[in-house]
């Protein structure tokens, strides 16, 4: 079984915050892969489904970001899963908006949601790091992550969320490199090739 945890803060005032891009992504995964309806369980909203023939539980912890690990740990223990069965989708300050990286294990880099999950299940889980950009000043980080995406940024945010959900089955099958490549192409599609110039008329043709 796969445990897919999107991180964010509950409540309408946080819905469009940069910090909530994990919630946005897991919502789109549930919609695109036709999971069951959301219900309350494990201090979270959860939805059951299947990806690549594997049972999956999507979850949005309702504990607020700083206590995300309580919810993830409770679900992990209930289903007798191990940390590598967990994929966490979260905002990443150290990546520019639109960039996606996947890694297993590692530090939390000051991210309070990851810090909490580390404390409850260890660090050997998968992370889908979704870039939100850095404000450039450490003192502005708190306000930055709790601010909404600007209107001009929204098309890029939408493509990030769509790309992650659309190609999530590639990641679920174990191909993190292929997943990152396909999502990147969805977010930043290559420019169309210019049309080939028409051939000059053959000598003697009208």
N, C-alpha and C. Protein backbone atom coordinates (compact mmCIF):
# COMPACT_ATOMS: atom_id res chain seq x y z
N UNK A 1 0.84 -1.19 0.00
CA UNK A 1 0.00 0.00 0.00
C UNK A 1 0.88 1.25 0.00
N UNK A 2 0.40 2.27 -0.67
CA UNK A 2 1.10 3.54 -0.77
C UNK A 2 0.36 4.59 0.05
N UNK A 3 1.10 5.35 0.84
CA UNK A 3 0.53 6.44 1.63
C UNK A 3 1.01 7.76 1.02
N UNK A 4 0.06 8.55 0.50
CA UNK A 4 0.37 9.80 -0.19
C UNK A 4 -0.10 10.95 0.67
N UNK A 5 0.83 11.69 1.26
CA UNK A 5 0.48 12.77 2.18
C UNK A 5 0.81 14.13 1.56
N UNK A 6 -0.21 14.94 1.35
CA UNK A 6 0.00 16.33 0.94
C UNK A 6 0.02 17.20 2.18
N UNK A 7 0.98 18.11 2.27
CA UNK A 7 1.11 18.93 3.47
C UNK A 7 0.51 20.32 3.24
N UNK A 8 -0.08 20.85 4.32
CA UNK A 8 -0.67 22.18 4.27
C UNK A 8 -1.31 22.49 5.61
N UNK A 9 -2.01 23.60 5.66
CA UNK A 9 -2.76 24.00 6.85
C UNK A 9 -4.25 23.95 6.54
N UNK A 10 -5.07 23.45 7.48
CA UNK A 10 -6.51 23.38 7.22
C UNK A 10 -7.19 24.74 7.37
N UNK A 11 -8.29 24.89 6.66
CA UNK A 11 -9.08 26.12 6.79
C UNK A 11 -9.02 26.96 5.53
N UNK A 12 -10.15 27.62 5.18
CA UNK A 12 -10.23 28.37 3.93
C UNK A 12 -9.22 29.50 3.79
N UNK A 13 -8.79 30.10 4.89
CA UNK A 13 -7.87 31.24 4.77
C UNK A 13 -6.48 30.81 4.28
N UNK A 14 -6.18 29.50 4.38
CA UNK A 14 -4.89 28.99 3.93
C UNK A 14 -4.94 28.34 2.55
N UNK A 15 -6.14 28.22 1.98
CA UNK A 15 -6.33 27.40 0.78
C UNK A 15 -5.33 27.67 -0.33
N UNK A 16 -5.06 28.94 -0.64
CA UNK A 16 -4.23 29.28 -1.79
C UNK A 16 -2.81 29.69 -1.38
N UNK A 17 -2.46 29.47 -0.11
CA UNK A 17 -1.11 29.79 0.37
C UNK A 17 -0.06 28.94 -0.34
N UNK A 18 1.14 29.50 -0.47
CA UNK A 18 2.26 28.74 -1.02
C UNK A 18 2.53 27.48 -0.18
N UNK A 19 2.36 27.60 1.13
CA UNK A 19 2.61 26.49 2.05
C UNK A 19 1.65 25.33 1.81
N UNK A 20 0.55 25.58 1.10
CA UNK A 20 -0.48 24.57 0.90
C UNK A 20 -0.42 23.89 -0.46
N UNK A 21 0.67 24.04 -1.17
CA UNK A 21 0.73 23.42 -2.50
C UNK A 21 0.66 21.90 -2.41
N UNK A 22 1.09 21.32 -1.27
CA UNK A 22 0.95 19.87 -1.08
C UNK A 22 -0.51 19.45 -1.04
N UNK A 23 -1.35 20.24 -0.37
CA UNK A 23 -2.80 19.98 -0.35
C UNK A 23 -3.35 20.06 -1.78
N UNK A 24 -2.94 21.10 -2.52
CA UNK A 24 -3.44 21.29 -3.88
C UNK A 24 -3.10 20.09 -4.76
N UNK A 25 -1.86 19.60 -4.63
CA UNK A 25 -1.41 18.48 -5.46
C UNK A 25 -2.15 17.20 -5.12
N UNK A 26 -2.33 16.92 -3.84
CA UNK A 26 -3.00 15.67 -3.46
C UNK A 26 -4.49 15.73 -3.81
N UNK A 27 -5.09 16.92 -3.76
CA UNK A 27 -6.48 17.07 -4.23
C UNK A 27 -6.60 16.68 -5.70
N UNK A 28 -5.63 17.12 -6.51
CA UNK A 28 -5.69 16.82 -7.93
C UNK A 28 -5.39 15.35 -8.21
N UNK A 29 -4.51 14.74 -7.42
CA UNK A 29 -4.25 13.30 -7.56
C UNK A 29 -5.54 12.51 -7.30
N UNK A 30 -6.23 12.87 -6.23
CA UNK A 30 -7.49 12.19 -5.88
C UNK A 30 -8.52 12.36 -6.99
N UNK A 31 -8.62 13.57 -7.54
CA UNK A 31 -9.60 13.83 -8.59
C UNK A 31 -9.24 13.08 -9.87
N UNK A 32 -7.98 13.20 -10.28
CA UNK A 32 -7.57 12.64 -11.57
C UNK A 32 -7.56 11.11 -11.57
N UNK A 33 -7.27 10.51 -10.43
CA UNK A 33 -7.20 9.04 -10.35
C UNK A 33 -8.46 8.42 -9.76
N UNK A 34 -9.52 9.22 -9.67
CA UNK A 34 -10.86 8.73 -9.27
C UNK A 34 -10.85 7.99 -7.94
N UNK A 35 -10.20 8.58 -6.93
CA UNK A 35 -10.23 8.02 -5.58
C UNK A 35 -11.64 8.19 -5.01
N UNK A 36 -11.89 7.51 -3.91
CA UNK A 36 -13.17 7.66 -3.20
C UNK A 36 -13.24 9.07 -2.58
N UNK A 37 -14.42 9.41 -2.06
CA UNK A 37 -14.61 10.75 -1.48
C UNK A 37 -13.78 10.89 -0.21
N UNK A 38 -13.42 12.13 0.10
CA UNK A 38 -12.67 12.41 1.32
C UNK A 38 -13.52 12.09 2.55
N UNK A 39 -12.87 11.56 3.59
CA UNK A 39 -13.54 11.34 4.87
C UNK A 39 -12.52 11.58 5.99
N UNK A 40 -13.03 11.78 7.19
CA UNK A 40 -12.16 12.08 8.33
C UNK A 40 -11.63 10.80 8.96
N UNK A 41 -10.30 10.72 9.09
CA UNK A 41 -9.64 9.58 9.75
C UNK A 41 -8.18 9.94 9.97
N UNK A 42 -7.57 9.38 10.99
CA UNK A 42 -6.15 9.60 11.29
C UNK A 42 -5.82 11.09 11.44
N UNK A 43 -6.69 11.85 12.08
CA UNK A 43 -6.50 13.29 12.27
C UNK A 43 -6.29 13.99 10.92
N UNK A 44 -6.93 13.46 9.90
CA UNK A 44 -6.74 13.92 8.53
C UNK A 44 -8.04 13.79 7.75
N UNK A 45 -8.03 14.34 6.55
CA UNK A 45 -8.98 13.93 5.53
C UNK A 45 -8.27 12.90 4.66
N UNK A 46 -8.92 11.76 4.45
CA UNK A 46 -8.29 10.69 3.67
C UNK A 46 -9.22 10.25 2.54
N UNK A 47 -8.63 9.74 1.48
CA UNK A 47 -9.38 9.20 0.34
C UNK A 47 -8.65 7.97 -0.16
N UNK A 48 -9.39 6.91 -0.39
CA UNK A 48 -8.79 5.64 -0.82
C UNK A 48 -8.89 5.49 -2.34
N UNK A 49 -7.88 4.86 -2.92
CA UNK A 49 -7.88 4.63 -4.35
C UNK A 49 -6.83 3.62 -4.74
N UNK A 50 -6.48 3.63 -6.02
CA UNK A 50 -5.50 2.69 -6.55
C UNK A 50 -4.69 3.39 -7.64
N UNK A 51 -3.39 3.19 -7.61
CA UNK A 51 -2.50 3.74 -8.63
C UNK A 51 -1.54 2.63 -9.06
N UNK A 52 -1.49 2.39 -10.37
CA UNK A 52 -0.62 1.35 -10.92
C UNK A 52 -0.88 -0.01 -10.26
N UNK A 53 -2.14 -0.32 -10.02
CA UNK A 53 -2.51 -1.60 -9.43
C UNK A 53 -2.19 -1.73 -7.95
N UNK A 54 -1.76 -0.64 -7.34
CA UNK A 54 -1.39 -0.67 -5.93
C UNK A 54 -2.38 0.17 -5.12
N UNK A 55 -2.88 -0.38 -4.03
CA UNK A 55 -3.78 0.38 -3.17
C UNK A 55 -3.06 1.62 -2.65
N UNK A 56 -3.81 2.70 -2.53
CA UNK A 56 -3.20 3.95 -2.08
C UNK A 56 -4.17 4.69 -1.16
N UNK A 57 -3.62 5.36 -0.19
CA UNK A 57 -4.40 6.22 0.70
C UNK A 57 -3.82 7.63 0.59
N UNK A 58 -4.63 8.55 0.09
CA UNK A 58 -4.23 9.97 0.05
C UNK A 58 -4.68 10.61 1.36
N UNK A 59 -3.86 11.50 1.88
CA UNK A 59 -4.23 12.14 3.14
C UNK A 59 -3.79 13.59 3.19
N UNK A 60 -4.63 14.40 3.85
CA UNK A 60 -4.32 15.80 4.14
C UNK A 60 -4.42 15.97 5.66
N UNK A 61 -3.29 15.99 6.36
CA UNK A 61 -3.35 16.14 7.82
C UNK A 61 -4.07 17.44 8.21
N UNK A 62 -4.97 17.30 9.17
CA UNK A 62 -5.73 18.46 9.67
C UNK A 62 -5.14 18.98 10.98
N UNK A 63 -3.90 18.61 11.26
CA UNK A 63 -3.24 18.95 12.53
C UNK A 63 -2.52 20.29 12.49
N UNK A 64 -2.56 20.98 11.36
CA UNK A 64 -1.69 22.10 11.03
C UNK A 64 -0.30 21.56 10.71
N UNK A 65 0.40 22.31 9.90
CA UNK A 65 1.68 21.86 9.32
C UNK A 65 2.65 21.33 10.37
N UNK A 66 2.80 22.04 11.48
CA UNK A 66 3.83 21.70 12.46
C UNK A 66 3.64 20.35 13.13
N UNK A 67 2.42 19.79 13.02
CA UNK A 67 2.15 18.49 13.66
C UNK A 67 1.77 17.43 12.63
N UNK A 68 2.18 17.61 11.39
CA UNK A 68 1.81 16.67 10.31
C UNK A 68 2.22 15.24 10.63
N UNK A 69 3.33 15.07 11.33
CA UNK A 69 3.83 13.73 11.63
C UNK A 69 2.91 12.90 12.51
N UNK A 70 2.13 13.57 13.36
CA UNK A 70 1.17 12.81 14.18
C UNK A 70 0.19 12.05 13.31
N UNK A 71 -0.33 12.71 12.28
CA UNK A 71 -1.31 12.09 11.39
C UNK A 71 -0.65 11.02 10.52
N UNK A 72 0.48 11.35 9.92
CA UNK A 72 1.16 10.39 9.04
C UNK A 72 1.60 9.16 9.84
N UNK A 73 2.12 9.37 11.04
CA UNK A 73 2.56 8.26 11.88
C UNK A 73 1.41 7.35 12.27
N UNK A 74 0.26 7.94 12.57
CA UNK A 74 -0.91 7.14 12.97
C UNK A 74 -1.34 6.23 11.82
N UNK A 75 -1.41 6.77 10.60
CA UNK A 75 -1.81 5.96 9.44
C UNK A 75 -0.78 4.90 9.13
N UNK A 76 0.49 5.25 9.21
CA UNK A 76 1.56 4.30 8.94
C UNK A 76 1.50 3.09 9.88
N UNK A 77 1.31 3.38 11.16
CA UNK A 77 1.24 2.28 12.13
C UNK A 77 -0.02 1.43 11.93
N UNK A 78 -1.14 2.05 11.62
CA UNK A 78 -2.39 1.31 11.44
C UNK A 78 -2.25 0.29 10.31
N UNK A 79 -1.66 0.71 9.20
CA UNK A 79 -1.55 -0.18 8.04
C UNK A 79 -0.26 -1.00 8.04
N UNK A 80 0.54 -0.84 9.11
CA UNK A 80 1.80 -1.59 9.23
C UNK A 80 2.71 -1.36 8.02
N UNK A 81 2.83 -0.10 7.65
CA UNK A 81 3.68 0.29 6.52
C UNK A 81 5.06 0.69 7.04
N UNK A 82 5.98 0.84 6.12
CA UNK A 82 7.31 1.34 6.47
C UNK A 82 7.52 2.70 5.78
N UNK A 83 8.47 3.52 6.24
CA UNK A 83 8.64 4.86 5.66
C UNK A 83 8.79 4.89 4.14
N UNK A 84 9.47 3.93 3.49
CA UNK A 84 9.57 4.01 2.02
C UNK A 84 8.22 3.84 1.30
N UNK A 85 7.17 3.43 2.03
CA UNK A 85 5.83 3.36 1.44
C UNK A 85 5.12 4.72 1.45
N UNK A 86 5.79 5.72 1.99
CA UNK A 86 5.17 7.05 2.16
C UNK A 86 5.76 8.03 1.15
N UNK A 87 4.87 8.77 0.47
CA UNK A 87 5.29 9.86 -0.42
C UNK A 87 4.66 11.14 0.11
N UNK A 88 5.49 12.11 0.44
CA UNK A 88 5.03 13.39 0.99
C UNK A 88 5.20 14.47 -0.07
N UNK A 89 4.14 15.22 -0.34
CA UNK A 89 4.19 16.33 -1.28
C UNK A 89 4.20 17.62 -0.48
N UNK A 90 5.21 18.48 -0.74
CA UNK A 90 5.34 19.67 0.10
C UNK A 90 5.97 20.82 -0.67
N UNK A 91 5.80 22.02 -0.14
CA UNK A 91 6.40 23.22 -0.72
C UNK A 91 7.90 23.22 -0.43
N UNK A 92 8.66 23.82 -1.34
CA UNK A 92 10.12 23.86 -1.21
C UNK A 92 10.64 25.26 -1.54
N UNK A 93 11.14 25.94 -0.52
CA UNK A 93 11.67 27.30 -0.69
C UNK A 93 12.90 27.33 -1.58
N UNK A 94 13.71 26.30 -1.53
CA UNK A 94 15.00 26.33 -2.22
C UNK A 94 14.91 25.95 -3.69
N UNK A 95 13.70 25.81 -4.22
CA UNK A 95 13.50 25.59 -5.65
C UNK A 95 12.65 26.74 -6.19
N UNK A 96 13.00 27.21 -7.38
CA UNK A 96 12.20 28.26 -7.98
C UNK A 96 10.81 27.74 -8.31
N UNK A 97 9.87 28.65 -8.38
CA UNK A 97 8.50 28.28 -8.69
C UNK A 97 8.45 27.49 -10.00
N UNK A 98 7.80 26.33 -9.95
CA UNK A 98 7.66 25.49 -11.13
C UNK A 98 8.61 24.32 -11.18
N UNK A 99 9.66 24.32 -10.35
CA UNK A 99 10.61 23.22 -10.34
C UNK A 99 10.14 22.12 -9.39
N UNK A 100 10.36 20.88 -9.79
CA UNK A 100 9.98 19.71 -9.00
C UNK A 100 11.21 18.82 -8.81
N UNK A 101 11.41 18.34 -7.60
CA UNK A 101 12.46 17.36 -7.34
C UNK A 101 11.89 16.25 -6.46
N UNK A 102 12.40 15.05 -6.66
CA UNK A 102 11.98 13.90 -5.85
C UNK A 102 13.21 13.31 -5.19
N UNK A 103 13.11 13.01 -3.91
CA UNK A 103 14.21 12.34 -3.23
C UNK A 103 13.65 11.48 -2.10
N UNK A 104 14.44 10.49 -1.73
CA UNK A 104 14.10 9.64 -0.59
C UNK A 104 15.10 9.93 0.52
N UNK A 105 14.58 10.19 1.70
CA UNK A 105 15.44 10.45 2.84
C UNK A 105 16.01 11.85 2.79
N UNK A 106 16.86 12.15 3.75
CA UNK A 106 17.50 13.46 3.82
C UNK A 106 16.96 14.30 4.95
N UNK A 107 17.47 15.51 5.07
CA UNK A 107 17.07 16.40 6.15
C UNK A 107 15.77 17.13 5.84
N UNK A 108 15.32 17.92 6.82
CA UNK A 108 14.06 18.65 6.64
C UNK A 108 14.29 20.08 6.20
N UNK A 109 15.54 20.56 6.22
CA UNK A 109 15.89 21.91 5.76
C UNK A 109 15.01 22.99 6.38
N UNK A 110 14.63 22.80 7.63
CA UNK A 110 13.84 23.81 8.32
C UNK A 110 12.35 23.76 8.04
N UNK A 111 11.90 22.81 7.21
CA UNK A 111 10.47 22.69 6.91
C UNK A 111 9.77 22.01 8.09
N UNK A 112 8.85 22.72 8.73
CA UNK A 112 8.25 22.21 9.96
C UNK A 112 7.42 20.95 9.76
N UNK A 113 6.77 20.83 8.59
CA UNK A 113 6.01 19.62 8.32
C UNK A 113 6.91 18.40 8.21
N UNK A 114 8.01 18.55 7.47
CA UNK A 114 8.97 17.45 7.34
C UNK A 114 9.63 17.14 8.68
N UNK A 115 9.95 18.18 9.44
CA UNK A 115 10.55 17.97 10.76
C UNK A 115 9.64 17.10 11.63
N UNK A 116 8.35 17.38 11.61
CA UNK A 116 7.39 16.62 12.40
C UNK A 116 7.29 15.17 11.92
N UNK A 117 7.27 14.97 10.61
CA UNK A 117 7.19 13.60 10.08
C UNK A 117 8.47 12.83 10.42
N UNK A 118 9.62 13.49 10.28
CA UNK A 118 10.89 12.86 10.69
C UNK A 118 10.82 12.36 12.13
N UNK A 119 10.25 13.19 13.01
CA UNK A 119 10.19 12.86 14.44
C UNK A 119 9.30 11.66 14.71
N UNK A 120 8.27 11.47 13.87
CA UNK A 120 7.30 10.39 14.12
C UNK A 120 7.58 9.10 13.37
N UNK A 121 8.21 9.17 12.18
CA UNK A 121 8.43 7.93 11.41
C UNK A 121 9.87 7.77 10.92
N UNK A 122 10.74 8.72 11.23
CA UNK A 122 12.09 8.69 10.68
C UNK A 122 12.12 9.41 9.33
N UNK A 123 13.29 9.45 8.72
CA UNK A 123 13.43 10.27 7.51
C UNK A 123 13.48 9.48 6.21
N UNK A 124 13.25 8.17 6.26
CA UNK A 124 13.43 7.33 5.07
C UNK A 124 12.15 7.25 4.23
N UNK A 125 11.52 8.39 3.98
CA UNK A 125 10.31 8.43 3.15
C UNK A 125 10.61 9.25 1.90
N UNK A 126 9.72 9.17 0.92
CA UNK A 126 9.88 9.90 -0.33
C UNK A 126 9.31 11.30 -0.19
N UNK A 127 9.98 12.27 -0.82
CA UNK A 127 9.51 13.66 -0.80
C UNK A 127 9.39 14.15 -2.24
N UNK A 128 8.24 14.71 -2.56
CA UNK A 128 8.07 15.43 -3.82
C UNK A 128 8.16 16.91 -3.46
N UNK A 129 9.28 17.52 -3.80
CA UNK A 129 9.57 18.90 -3.42
C UNK A 129 9.07 19.82 -4.53
N UNK A 130 8.09 20.64 -4.21
CA UNK A 130 7.43 21.50 -5.19
C UNK A 130 7.87 22.94 -4.95
N UNK A 131 8.63 23.48 -5.90
CA UNK A 131 9.24 24.79 -5.73
C UNK A 131 8.23 25.92 -5.61
N UNK A 132 8.45 26.77 -4.61
CA UNK A 132 7.62 27.98 -4.46
C UNK A 132 8.48 29.23 -4.49
N UNK A 133 9.80 29.06 -4.64
CA UNK A 133 10.70 30.21 -4.67
C UNK A 133 10.99 30.76 -3.29
N UNK A 134 12.09 31.48 -3.18
CA UNK A 134 12.53 32.07 -1.91
C UNK A 134 12.38 33.59 -1.99
N UNK A 135 11.92 34.23 -0.92
CA UNK A 135 11.75 35.70 -0.98
C UNK A 135 13.06 36.46 -1.02
N UNK A 136 14.19 35.77 -0.77
CA UNK A 136 15.49 36.42 -0.84
C UNK A 136 16.01 36.93 0.49
N UNK A 137 15.15 36.93 1.50
CA UNK A 137 15.52 37.42 2.83
C UNK A 137 14.93 36.46 3.86
N UNK A 138 15.79 35.92 4.71
CA UNK A 138 15.35 34.94 5.71
C UNK A 138 14.22 35.50 6.58
N UNK A 139 14.25 36.80 6.86
CA UNK A 139 13.23 37.41 7.71
C UNK A 139 11.85 37.41 7.04
N UNK A 140 11.82 37.26 5.72
CA UNK A 140 10.55 37.32 5.00
C UNK A 140 9.95 35.94 4.72
N UNK A 141 10.66 34.87 5.13
CA UNK A 141 10.22 33.52 4.78
C UNK A 141 8.84 33.20 5.34
N UNK A 142 8.60 33.51 6.61
CA UNK A 142 7.32 33.16 7.24
C UNK A 142 6.15 33.80 6.48
N UNK A 143 6.26 35.08 6.20
CA UNK A 143 5.20 35.76 5.46
C UNK A 143 5.05 35.24 4.05
N UNK A 144 6.18 34.86 3.45
CA UNK A 144 6.17 34.36 2.07
C UNK A 144 5.39 33.05 1.97
N UNK A 145 5.70 32.08 2.83
CA UNK A 145 5.04 30.77 2.71
C UNK A 145 3.56 30.85 3.06
N UNK A 146 3.18 31.82 3.90
CA UNK A 146 1.78 31.95 4.29
C UNK A 146 1.04 32.99 3.44
N UNK A 147 1.66 33.41 2.34
CA UNK A 147 0.97 34.31 1.42
C UNK A 147 0.41 33.50 0.25
N UNK A 148 -0.61 34.05 -0.40
CA UNK A 148 -1.18 33.39 -1.57
C UNK A 148 -0.26 33.57 -2.77
N UNK A 149 -0.34 32.65 -3.70
CA UNK A 149 0.34 32.83 -4.97
C UNK A 149 -0.23 34.07 -5.66
N UNK A 150 0.65 34.83 -6.29
CA UNK A 150 0.21 36.00 -7.03
C UNK A 150 -0.55 35.56 -8.30
N UNK A 151 -1.44 36.42 -8.75
CA UNK A 151 -2.26 36.07 -9.92
C UNK A 151 -1.42 35.69 -11.14
N UNK A 152 -0.33 36.41 -11.46
CA UNK A 152 0.47 36.01 -12.63
C UNK A 152 1.16 34.65 -12.46
N UNK A 153 1.32 34.20 -11.19
CA UNK A 153 1.97 32.91 -10.93
C UNK A 153 1.01 31.74 -11.10
N UNK A 154 -0.30 32.02 -11.09
CA UNK A 154 -1.29 30.95 -10.99
C UNK A 154 -1.24 29.96 -12.15
N UNK A 155 -1.06 30.40 -13.42
CA UNK A 155 -0.97 29.40 -14.49
C UNK A 155 0.17 28.40 -14.29
N UNK A 156 1.30 28.88 -13.78
CA UNK A 156 2.44 28.00 -13.53
C UNK A 156 2.14 27.05 -12.38
N UNK A 157 1.49 27.56 -11.33
CA UNK A 157 1.09 26.71 -10.20
C UNK A 157 0.14 25.62 -10.68
N UNK A 158 -0.83 26.00 -11.52
CA UNK A 158 -1.80 25.03 -12.03
C UNK A 158 -1.11 23.93 -12.83
N UNK A 159 -0.11 24.31 -13.64
CA UNK A 159 0.60 23.30 -14.43
C UNK A 159 1.43 22.38 -13.54
N UNK A 160 2.00 22.92 -12.46
CA UNK A 160 2.74 22.08 -11.51
C UNK A 160 1.83 21.01 -10.92
N UNK A 161 0.69 21.47 -10.42
CA UNK A 161 -0.26 20.57 -9.75
C UNK A 161 -0.79 19.53 -10.75
N UNK A 162 -1.15 19.99 -11.94
CA UNK A 162 -1.64 19.07 -12.98
C UNK A 162 -0.58 18.05 -13.36
N UNK A 163 0.66 18.52 -13.56
CA UNK A 163 1.73 17.63 -13.99
C UNK A 163 2.03 16.55 -12.96
N UNK A 164 2.09 16.94 -11.69
CA UNK A 164 2.34 15.97 -10.63
C UNK A 164 1.24 14.91 -10.60
N UNK A 165 -0.01 15.33 -10.69
CA UNK A 165 -1.13 14.38 -10.64
C UNK A 165 -1.19 13.51 -11.89
N UNK A 166 -0.98 14.13 -13.04
CA UNK A 166 -1.09 13.42 -14.32
C UNK A 166 -0.08 12.29 -14.42
N UNK A 167 1.13 12.53 -13.91
CA UNK A 167 2.22 11.55 -14.07
C UNK A 167 2.55 10.82 -12.76
N UNK A 168 1.68 10.92 -11.79
CA UNK A 168 1.99 10.32 -10.48
C UNK A 168 2.15 8.81 -10.56
N UNK A 169 1.46 8.18 -11.50
CA UNK A 169 1.58 6.73 -11.64
C UNK A 169 3.01 6.32 -11.99
N UNK A 170 3.75 7.20 -12.69
CA UNK A 170 5.15 6.91 -13.03
C UNK A 170 5.99 6.85 -11.75
N UNK A 171 5.75 7.79 -10.84
CA UNK A 171 6.45 7.78 -9.56
C UNK A 171 6.04 6.57 -8.72
N UNK A 172 4.74 6.26 -8.71
CA UNK A 172 4.26 5.11 -7.93
C UNK A 172 4.85 3.80 -8.42
N UNK A 173 5.23 3.75 -9.69
CA UNK A 173 5.83 2.52 -10.24
C UNK A 173 7.33 2.44 -9.95
N UNK A 174 7.89 3.50 -9.33
CA UNK A 174 9.29 3.47 -8.92
C UNK A 174 10.25 4.22 -9.82
N UNK A 175 9.72 4.94 -10.82
CA UNK A 175 10.59 5.64 -11.76
C UNK A 175 10.59 7.14 -11.44
N UNK A 176 11.37 7.52 -10.43
CA UNK A 176 11.36 8.94 -10.03
C UNK A 176 11.97 9.83 -11.10
N UNK A 177 12.97 9.33 -11.81
CA UNK A 177 13.58 10.12 -12.87
C UNK A 177 12.60 10.40 -14.00
N UNK A 178 11.88 9.37 -14.42
CA UNK A 178 10.88 9.53 -15.48
C UNK A 178 9.76 10.47 -15.05
N UNK A 179 9.39 10.37 -13.78
CA UNK A 179 8.35 11.26 -13.24
C UNK A 179 8.80 12.71 -13.32
N UNK A 180 10.00 13.01 -12.84
CA UNK A 180 10.48 14.39 -12.85
C UNK A 180 10.58 14.93 -14.27
N UNK A 181 11.03 14.09 -15.20
CA UNK A 181 11.18 14.51 -16.59
C UNK A 181 9.82 14.85 -17.21
N UNK A 182 8.85 13.99 -16.99
CA UNK A 182 7.52 14.22 -17.60
C UNK A 182 6.82 15.42 -16.98
N UNK A 183 6.96 15.57 -15.67
CA UNK A 183 6.34 16.73 -15.02
C UNK A 183 6.99 18.02 -15.51
N UNK A 184 8.32 18.02 -15.64
CA UNK A 184 9.02 19.21 -16.14
C UNK A 184 8.55 19.59 -17.53
N UNK A 185 8.33 18.59 -18.40
CA UNK A 185 7.87 18.88 -19.75
C UNK A 185 6.45 19.42 -19.75
N UNK A 186 5.65 18.99 -18.77
CA UNK A 186 4.28 19.51 -18.67
C UNK A 186 4.30 20.96 -18.18
N UNK A 187 5.17 21.25 -17.22
CA UNK A 187 5.22 22.60 -16.64
C UNK A 187 5.86 23.58 -17.62
N UNK A 188 6.94 23.16 -18.24
CA UNK A 188 7.67 24.02 -19.18
C UNK A 188 7.73 23.34 -20.55
N UNK A 189 6.62 23.32 -21.27
CA UNK A 189 6.62 22.61 -22.56
C UNK A 189 7.61 23.25 -23.53
N UNK A 190 8.26 22.41 -24.35
CA UNK A 190 9.21 22.98 -25.32
C UNK A 190 8.47 23.84 -26.33
N UNK A 191 9.14 24.87 -26.86
CA UNK A 191 8.47 25.72 -27.85
C UNK A 191 8.16 24.92 -29.11
N UNK A 192 7.09 25.26 -29.81
CA UNK A 192 6.77 24.52 -31.05
C UNK A 192 7.86 24.72 -32.09
N UNK A 193 8.11 23.68 -32.84
CA UNK A 193 9.12 23.77 -33.89
C UNK A 193 8.60 24.67 -35.02
N UNK A 194 9.47 25.51 -35.57
CA UNK A 194 9.02 26.36 -36.68
C UNK A 194 8.67 25.51 -37.89
N UNK A 195 7.69 25.94 -38.68
CA UNK A 195 7.33 25.14 -39.87
C UNK A 195 8.49 25.09 -40.86
N UNK A 196 8.61 23.95 -41.51
CA UNK A 196 9.65 23.81 -42.52
C UNK A 196 9.34 24.73 -43.70
N UNK A 197 10.37 25.41 -44.22
CA UNK A 197 10.10 26.27 -45.39
C UNK A 197 9.65 25.42 -46.57
N UNK A 198 8.73 25.96 -47.33
CA UNK A 198 8.23 25.21 -48.48
C UNK A 198 9.33 25.12 -49.54
N UNK A 199 9.35 24.03 -50.24
CA UNK A 199 10.38 23.82 -51.26
C UNK A 199 10.18 24.79 -52.42
N UNK A 200 11.25 25.31 -52.97
CA UNK A 200 11.11 26.22 -54.13
C UNK A 200 10.56 25.46 -55.33
N UNK A 201 9.84 26.14 -56.18
CA UNK A 201 9.28 25.44 -57.34
C UNK A 201 10.39 24.89 -58.25
N UNK A 202 10.11 23.74 -58.83
CA UNK A 202 11.07 23.14 -59.77
C UNK A 202 11.11 23.97 -61.04
N UNK A 203 12.30 24.14 -61.57
CA UNK A 203 12.47 24.94 -62.77
C UNK A 203 11.54 24.46 -63.89
N UNK A 204 10.83 25.41 -64.49
CA UNK A 204 9.91 25.08 -65.58
C UNK A 204 8.47 24.99 -65.12
N UNK A 205 8.25 24.87 -63.75
CA UNK A 205 6.86 24.81 -63.24
C UNK A 205 6.26 26.19 -63.25
N UNK A 206 4.97 26.25 -63.47
CA UNK A 206 4.28 27.53 -63.45
C UNK A 206 4.13 27.99 -62.03
